[in-house]
């Protein structure tokens, strides 16, 4: 819990500063699969998303490098289209979101202690 309330510092502590009220804290399995920017993400029954990267004229995956559009400094961002994004959080008093065909940006990261 100390990570998620920002007490251990780092990027999560910066994110916590943007949160006004914590609606709930729950454990949920997180599964994801990514290959060359194509991937899917599932967080329990709360979130499910799929995306496919755009490709250039040669068929290569389009990435942004050294760009302000990546949220992960030093890592490339894959520019993509999200075929679907479903967020089911109405039980927390928030709005459910169901989108199709929107832009998406994906990058890779890892947390280290």
N, C-alpha and C. Protein backbone atom coordinates (compact mmCIF):
# COMPACT_ATOMS: atom_id res chain seq x y z
N UNK A 1 0.82 -1.19 0.00
CA UNK A 1 0.00 0.00 0.00
C UNK A 1 0.86 1.26 0.00
N UNK A 2 2.05 1.20 0.58
CA UNK A 2 2.91 2.38 0.65
C UNK A 2 3.30 2.90 -0.73
N UNK A 3 3.42 1.98 -1.69
CA UNK A 3 3.73 2.42 -3.06
C UNK A 3 2.59 3.26 -3.60
N UNK A 4 1.36 2.75 -3.48
CA UNK A 4 0.21 3.37 -4.13
C UNK A 4 -0.25 4.65 -3.45
N UNK A 5 0.13 4.91 -2.22
CA UNK A 5 -0.22 6.19 -1.61
C UNK A 5 0.93 7.20 -1.71
N UNK A 6 2.01 6.82 -2.41
CA UNK A 6 3.10 7.73 -2.69
C UNK A 6 4.16 7.83 -1.62
N UNK A 7 4.06 7.07 -0.54
CA UNK A 7 5.00 7.18 0.57
C UNK A 7 6.41 6.71 0.23
N UNK A 8 6.56 5.91 -0.84
CA UNK A 8 7.89 5.43 -1.22
C UNK A 8 8.54 6.31 -2.29
N UNK A 9 7.87 7.40 -2.67
CA UNK A 9 8.44 8.32 -3.65
C UNK A 9 8.35 7.80 -5.07
N UNK A 10 9.16 8.38 -5.95
CA UNK A 10 9.21 7.95 -7.34
C UNK A 10 8.03 8.43 -8.16
N UNK A 11 7.86 7.86 -9.36
CA UNK A 11 6.81 8.32 -10.28
C UNK A 11 5.40 8.18 -9.71
N UNK A 12 5.17 7.14 -8.91
CA UNK A 12 3.83 6.96 -8.35
C UNK A 12 3.51 8.09 -7.37
N UNK A 13 4.50 8.56 -6.62
CA UNK A 13 4.28 9.68 -5.71
C UNK A 13 3.86 10.93 -6.48
N UNK A 14 4.44 11.13 -7.65
CA UNK A 14 4.05 12.27 -8.48
C UNK A 14 2.62 12.12 -8.98
N UNK A 15 2.24 10.90 -9.34
CA UNK A 15 0.88 10.62 -9.79
C UNK A 15 -0.12 10.85 -8.67
N UNK A 16 0.22 10.46 -7.45
CA UNK A 16 -0.67 10.61 -6.30
C UNK A 16 -1.07 12.07 -6.12
N UNK A 17 -0.18 12.98 -6.44
CA UNK A 17 -0.48 14.40 -6.32
C UNK A 17 -1.62 14.86 -7.21
N UNK A 18 -1.97 14.07 -8.22
CA UNK A 18 -3.05 14.41 -9.13
C UNK A 18 -4.40 13.83 -8.70
N UNK A 19 -4.39 13.02 -7.64
CA UNK A 19 -5.60 12.33 -7.21
C UNK A 19 -6.23 13.09 -6.05
N UNK A 20 -7.51 13.45 -6.19
CA UNK A 20 -8.20 14.20 -5.15
C UNK A 20 -8.77 13.32 -4.07
N UNK A 21 -9.36 12.19 -4.47
CA UNK A 21 -10.01 11.30 -3.52
C UNK A 21 -9.83 9.86 -4.00
N UNK A 22 -9.48 8.97 -3.10
CA UNK A 22 -9.35 7.55 -3.44
C UNK A 22 -10.72 6.92 -3.24
N UNK A 23 -11.31 6.40 -4.34
CA UNK A 23 -12.65 5.80 -4.28
C UNK A 23 -12.60 4.39 -3.72
N UNK A 24 -11.52 3.66 -4.03
CA UNK A 24 -11.40 2.27 -3.56
C UNK A 24 -9.99 1.78 -3.85
N UNK A 25 -9.59 0.77 -3.12
CA UNK A 25 -8.34 0.07 -3.38
C UNK A 25 -8.68 -1.41 -3.38
N UNK A 26 -8.43 -2.08 -4.51
CA UNK A 26 -8.74 -3.50 -4.64
C UNK A 26 -7.59 -4.22 -5.31
N UNK A 27 -7.48 -5.49 -5.04
CA UNK A 27 -6.54 -6.33 -5.76
C UNK A 27 -7.23 -6.85 -7.01
N UNK A 28 -6.49 -6.88 -8.11
CA UNK A 28 -7.04 -7.40 -9.36
C UNK A 28 -5.89 -7.96 -10.18
N UNK A 29 -6.13 -9.07 -10.88
CA UNK A 29 -5.08 -9.59 -11.75
C UNK A 29 -4.87 -8.67 -12.94
N UNK A 30 -3.60 -8.47 -13.29
CA UNK A 30 -3.26 -7.66 -14.45
C UNK A 30 -2.57 -8.56 -15.46
N UNK A 31 -3.11 -8.61 -16.66
CA UNK A 31 -2.47 -9.38 -17.73
C UNK A 31 -2.28 -8.47 -18.93
N UNK A 32 -1.15 -8.65 -19.58
CA UNK A 32 -0.91 -7.88 -20.79
C UNK A 32 -0.01 -8.69 -21.72
N UNK A 33 -0.15 -8.40 -22.99
CA UNK A 33 0.69 -9.02 -24.01
C UNK A 33 1.02 -7.94 -25.02
N UNK A 34 2.30 -7.81 -25.31
CA UNK A 34 2.75 -6.79 -26.24
C UNK A 34 3.78 -7.41 -27.18
N UNK A 35 3.61 -7.17 -28.47
CA UNK A 35 4.61 -7.60 -29.44
C UNK A 35 4.66 -6.56 -30.55
N UNK A 36 5.82 -5.89 -30.66
CA UNK A 36 6.04 -4.83 -31.65
C UNK A 36 4.93 -3.78 -31.62
N UNK A 37 4.51 -3.40 -30.42
CA UNK A 37 3.51 -2.35 -30.28
C UNK A 37 2.07 -2.82 -30.33
N UNK A 38 1.83 -4.04 -30.76
CA UNK A 38 0.47 -4.59 -30.77
C UNK A 38 0.25 -5.27 -29.42
N UNK A 39 -0.88 -4.96 -28.79
CA UNK A 39 -1.05 -5.58 -27.49
C UNK A 39 -2.43 -5.46 -26.93
N UNK A 40 -2.58 -6.10 -25.79
CA UNK A 40 -3.83 -6.01 -25.05
C UNK A 40 -3.52 -5.94 -23.56
N UNK A 41 -4.43 -5.35 -22.84
CA UNK A 41 -4.29 -5.15 -21.40
C UNK A 41 -5.62 -5.48 -20.74
N UNK A 42 -5.55 -6.20 -19.64
CA UNK A 42 -6.76 -6.50 -18.87
C UNK A 42 -6.43 -6.34 -17.39
N UNK A 43 -7.27 -5.60 -16.67
CA UNK A 43 -7.15 -5.45 -15.23
C UNK A 43 -8.46 -5.94 -14.63
N UNK A 44 -8.43 -7.19 -14.15
CA UNK A 44 -9.64 -7.80 -13.60
C UNK A 44 -10.82 -7.61 -14.54
N UNK A 45 -11.97 -7.21 -13.96
CA UNK A 45 -13.15 -6.92 -14.78
C UNK A 45 -13.32 -5.42 -14.96
N UNK A 46 -12.31 -4.65 -14.53
CA UNK A 46 -12.42 -3.20 -14.56
C UNK A 46 -11.99 -2.59 -15.90
N UNK A 47 -10.94 -3.13 -16.50
CA UNK A 47 -10.42 -2.52 -17.72
C UNK A 47 -9.99 -3.57 -18.72
N UNK A 48 -10.30 -3.33 -19.98
CA UNK A 48 -9.85 -4.18 -21.07
C UNK A 48 -9.57 -3.26 -22.25
N UNK A 49 -8.37 -3.38 -22.83
CA UNK A 49 -8.00 -2.52 -23.95
C UNK A 49 -7.16 -3.31 -24.95
N UNK A 50 -7.31 -2.97 -26.23
CA UNK A 50 -6.51 -3.57 -27.30
C UNK A 50 -6.04 -2.45 -28.23
N UNK A 51 -4.82 -2.61 -28.75
CA UNK A 51 -4.31 -1.61 -29.68
C UNK A 51 -3.42 -2.26 -30.73
N UNK A 52 -3.34 -1.61 -31.87
CA UNK A 52 -2.52 -2.06 -32.99
C UNK A 52 -1.73 -0.86 -33.48
N UNK A 53 -0.40 -0.97 -33.60
CA UNK A 53 0.40 0.19 -34.00
C UNK A 53 0.18 0.56 -35.47
N UNK A 54 0.34 1.83 -35.73
CA UNK A 54 0.35 2.28 -37.13
C UNK A 54 1.65 1.80 -37.77
N UNK A 55 1.63 1.61 -39.05
CA UNK A 55 2.82 1.18 -39.80
C UNK A 55 3.11 2.19 -40.90
N UNK A 56 4.39 2.40 -41.14
CA UNK A 56 4.81 3.31 -42.19
C UNK A 56 4.70 2.66 -43.57
N UNK A 57 5.11 3.36 -44.62
CA UNK A 57 5.00 2.86 -45.99
C UNK A 57 5.77 1.56 -46.22
N UNK A 58 6.80 1.31 -45.43
CA UNK A 58 7.58 0.08 -45.61
C UNK A 58 7.00 -1.09 -44.81
N UNK A 59 5.96 -0.83 -44.02
CA UNK A 59 5.38 -1.87 -43.19
C UNK A 59 5.96 -1.92 -41.78
N UNK A 60 6.98 -1.11 -41.52
CA UNK A 60 7.58 -1.08 -40.19
C UNK A 60 6.68 -0.33 -39.21
N UNK A 61 6.72 -0.75 -37.95
CA UNK A 61 5.94 -0.11 -36.90
C UNK A 61 6.41 1.33 -36.71
N UNK A 62 5.47 2.25 -36.60
CA UNK A 62 5.77 3.66 -36.39
C UNK A 62 6.05 3.91 -34.91
N UNK A 63 7.17 4.53 -34.61
CA UNK A 63 7.49 4.89 -33.23
C UNK A 63 7.90 6.35 -33.17
N UNK A 64 7.75 6.92 -32.00
CA UNK A 64 8.27 8.26 -31.71
C UNK A 64 9.46 8.07 -30.79
N UNK A 65 10.58 8.66 -31.16
CA UNK A 65 11.78 8.60 -30.34
C UNK A 65 12.22 10.01 -29.99
N UNK A 66 12.69 10.20 -28.76
CA UNK A 66 13.11 11.52 -28.30
C UNK A 66 12.00 12.55 -28.55
N UNK A 67 10.80 12.21 -28.16
CA UNK A 67 9.64 13.06 -28.42
C UNK A 67 8.97 13.46 -27.11
N UNK A 68 8.33 14.61 -27.10
CA UNK A 68 7.58 15.03 -25.93
C UNK A 68 6.30 14.22 -25.77
N UNK A 69 5.93 13.44 -26.78
CA UNK A 69 4.69 12.68 -26.72
C UNK A 69 4.82 11.37 -25.96
N UNK A 70 6.03 10.95 -25.64
CA UNK A 70 6.17 9.75 -24.82
C UNK A 70 6.18 10.16 -23.36
N UNK A 71 5.53 9.38 -22.54
CA UNK A 71 5.50 9.68 -21.10
C UNK A 71 6.61 8.96 -20.37
N UNK A 72 7.46 8.25 -21.12
CA UNK A 72 8.54 7.48 -20.52
C UNK A 72 9.85 7.97 -21.13
N UNK A 73 10.54 8.90 -20.46
CA UNK A 73 11.76 9.48 -21.01
C UNK A 73 12.78 8.41 -21.41
N UNK A 74 13.35 8.56 -22.61
CA UNK A 74 14.36 7.65 -23.09
C UNK A 74 13.82 6.40 -23.76
N UNK A 75 12.51 6.18 -23.71
CA UNK A 75 11.92 5.00 -24.33
C UNK A 75 11.10 5.42 -25.55
N UNK A 76 11.10 4.60 -26.58
CA UNK A 76 10.26 4.93 -27.74
C UNK A 76 8.78 4.78 -27.39
N UNK A 77 7.95 5.50 -28.09
CA UNK A 77 6.50 5.38 -27.94
C UNK A 77 5.95 4.82 -29.24
N UNK A 78 5.09 3.82 -29.13
CA UNK A 78 4.43 3.26 -30.31
C UNK A 78 3.13 4.02 -30.51
N UNK A 79 2.97 4.59 -31.69
CA UNK A 79 1.76 5.33 -32.03
C UNK A 79 0.79 4.32 -32.61
N UNK A 80 -0.43 4.30 -32.08
CA UNK A 80 -1.33 3.21 -32.43
C UNK A 80 -2.78 3.66 -32.47
N UNK A 81 -3.62 2.72 -32.87
CA UNK A 81 -5.07 2.89 -32.80
C UNK A 81 -5.59 1.86 -31.81
N UNK A 82 -6.37 2.32 -30.85
CA UNK A 82 -6.98 1.42 -29.88
C UNK A 82 -8.28 0.91 -30.47
N UNK A 83 -8.31 -0.38 -30.82
CA UNK A 83 -9.54 -0.93 -31.38
C UNK A 83 -10.67 -0.89 -30.37
N UNK A 84 -10.33 -1.07 -29.09
CA UNK A 84 -11.34 -0.88 -28.05
C UNK A 84 -10.68 -0.55 -26.72
N UNK A 85 -11.45 0.15 -25.91
CA UNK A 85 -11.05 0.51 -24.55
C UNK A 85 -12.32 0.49 -23.72
N UNK A 86 -12.40 -0.41 -22.76
CA UNK A 86 -13.57 -0.54 -21.91
C UNK A 86 -13.16 -0.40 -20.45
N UNK A 87 -13.72 0.60 -19.78
CA UNK A 87 -13.45 0.82 -18.36
C UNK A 87 -14.78 0.75 -17.62
N UNK A 88 -14.88 -0.20 -16.70
CA UNK A 88 -16.12 -0.44 -15.97
C UNK A 88 -15.91 -0.10 -14.49
N UNK A 89 -16.24 1.14 -14.13
CA UNK A 89 -15.98 1.61 -12.77
C UNK A 89 -17.19 2.31 -12.14
N UNK A 90 -18.37 2.11 -12.69
CA UNK A 90 -19.55 2.80 -12.14
C UNK A 90 -19.82 2.41 -10.70
N UNK A 91 -19.39 1.22 -10.28
CA UNK A 91 -19.61 0.81 -8.88
C UNK A 91 -18.82 1.68 -7.91
N UNK A 92 -17.86 2.46 -8.41
CA UNK A 92 -17.08 3.38 -7.57
C UNK A 92 -17.59 4.82 -7.68
N UNK A 93 -18.70 5.01 -8.36
CA UNK A 93 -19.24 6.35 -8.53
C UNK A 93 -18.61 7.10 -9.68
N UNK A 94 -17.83 6.40 -10.51
CA UNK A 94 -17.20 7.01 -11.68
C UNK A 94 -17.95 6.58 -12.94
N UNK A 95 -17.66 7.23 -14.03
CA UNK A 95 -18.34 6.95 -15.29
C UNK A 95 -17.66 5.80 -16.02
N UNK A 96 -18.44 4.84 -16.50
CA UNK A 96 -17.90 3.80 -17.37
C UNK A 96 -17.53 4.44 -18.70
N UNK A 97 -16.51 3.90 -19.36
CA UNK A 97 -16.07 4.43 -20.65
C UNK A 97 -15.93 3.26 -21.62
N UNK A 98 -16.51 3.42 -22.79
CA UNK A 98 -16.41 2.40 -23.84
C UNK A 98 -16.09 3.12 -25.15
N UNK A 99 -14.85 2.98 -25.60
CA UNK A 99 -14.39 3.67 -26.81
C UNK A 99 -13.93 2.66 -27.85
N UNK A 100 -14.04 3.05 -29.12
CA UNK A 100 -13.51 2.23 -30.21
C UNK A 100 -12.85 3.13 -31.23
N UNK A 101 -11.71 2.67 -31.77
CA UNK A 101 -11.05 3.36 -32.86
C UNK A 101 -10.39 4.68 -32.51
N UNK A 102 -9.98 4.86 -31.26
CA UNK A 102 -9.30 6.09 -30.87
C UNK A 102 -7.79 5.91 -30.95
N UNK A 103 -7.07 7.04 -30.98
CA UNK A 103 -5.61 6.99 -30.97
C UNK A 103 -5.10 6.51 -29.62
N UNK A 104 -3.92 5.92 -29.65
CA UNK A 104 -3.30 5.44 -28.42
C UNK A 104 -1.79 5.58 -28.55
N UNK A 105 -1.12 5.74 -27.46
CA UNK A 105 0.35 5.74 -27.42
C UNK A 105 0.77 4.76 -26.35
N UNK A 106 1.72 3.93 -26.67
CA UNK A 106 2.18 2.89 -25.75
C UNK A 106 3.69 2.97 -25.62
N UNK A 107 4.18 2.70 -24.44
CA UNK A 107 5.63 2.63 -24.21
C UNK A 107 5.92 1.54 -23.21
N UNK A 108 7.19 1.21 -23.07
CA UNK A 108 7.54 0.17 -22.10
C UNK A 108 8.24 0.80 -20.90
N UNK A 109 8.08 0.18 -19.76
CA UNK A 109 8.66 0.66 -18.51
C UNK A 109 8.79 -0.51 -17.57
N UNK A 110 9.50 -0.28 -16.47
CA UNK A 110 9.52 -1.26 -15.39
C UNK A 110 9.83 -0.53 -14.10
N UNK A 111 9.20 -1.00 -13.02
CA UNK A 111 9.47 -0.44 -11.70
C UNK A 111 10.62 -1.21 -11.09
N UNK A 112 11.50 -0.52 -10.42
CA UNK A 112 12.60 -1.16 -9.71
C UNK A 112 12.63 -0.64 -8.28
N UNK A 113 12.98 -1.51 -7.38
CA UNK A 113 13.08 -1.10 -5.97
C UNK A 113 14.44 -0.50 -5.71
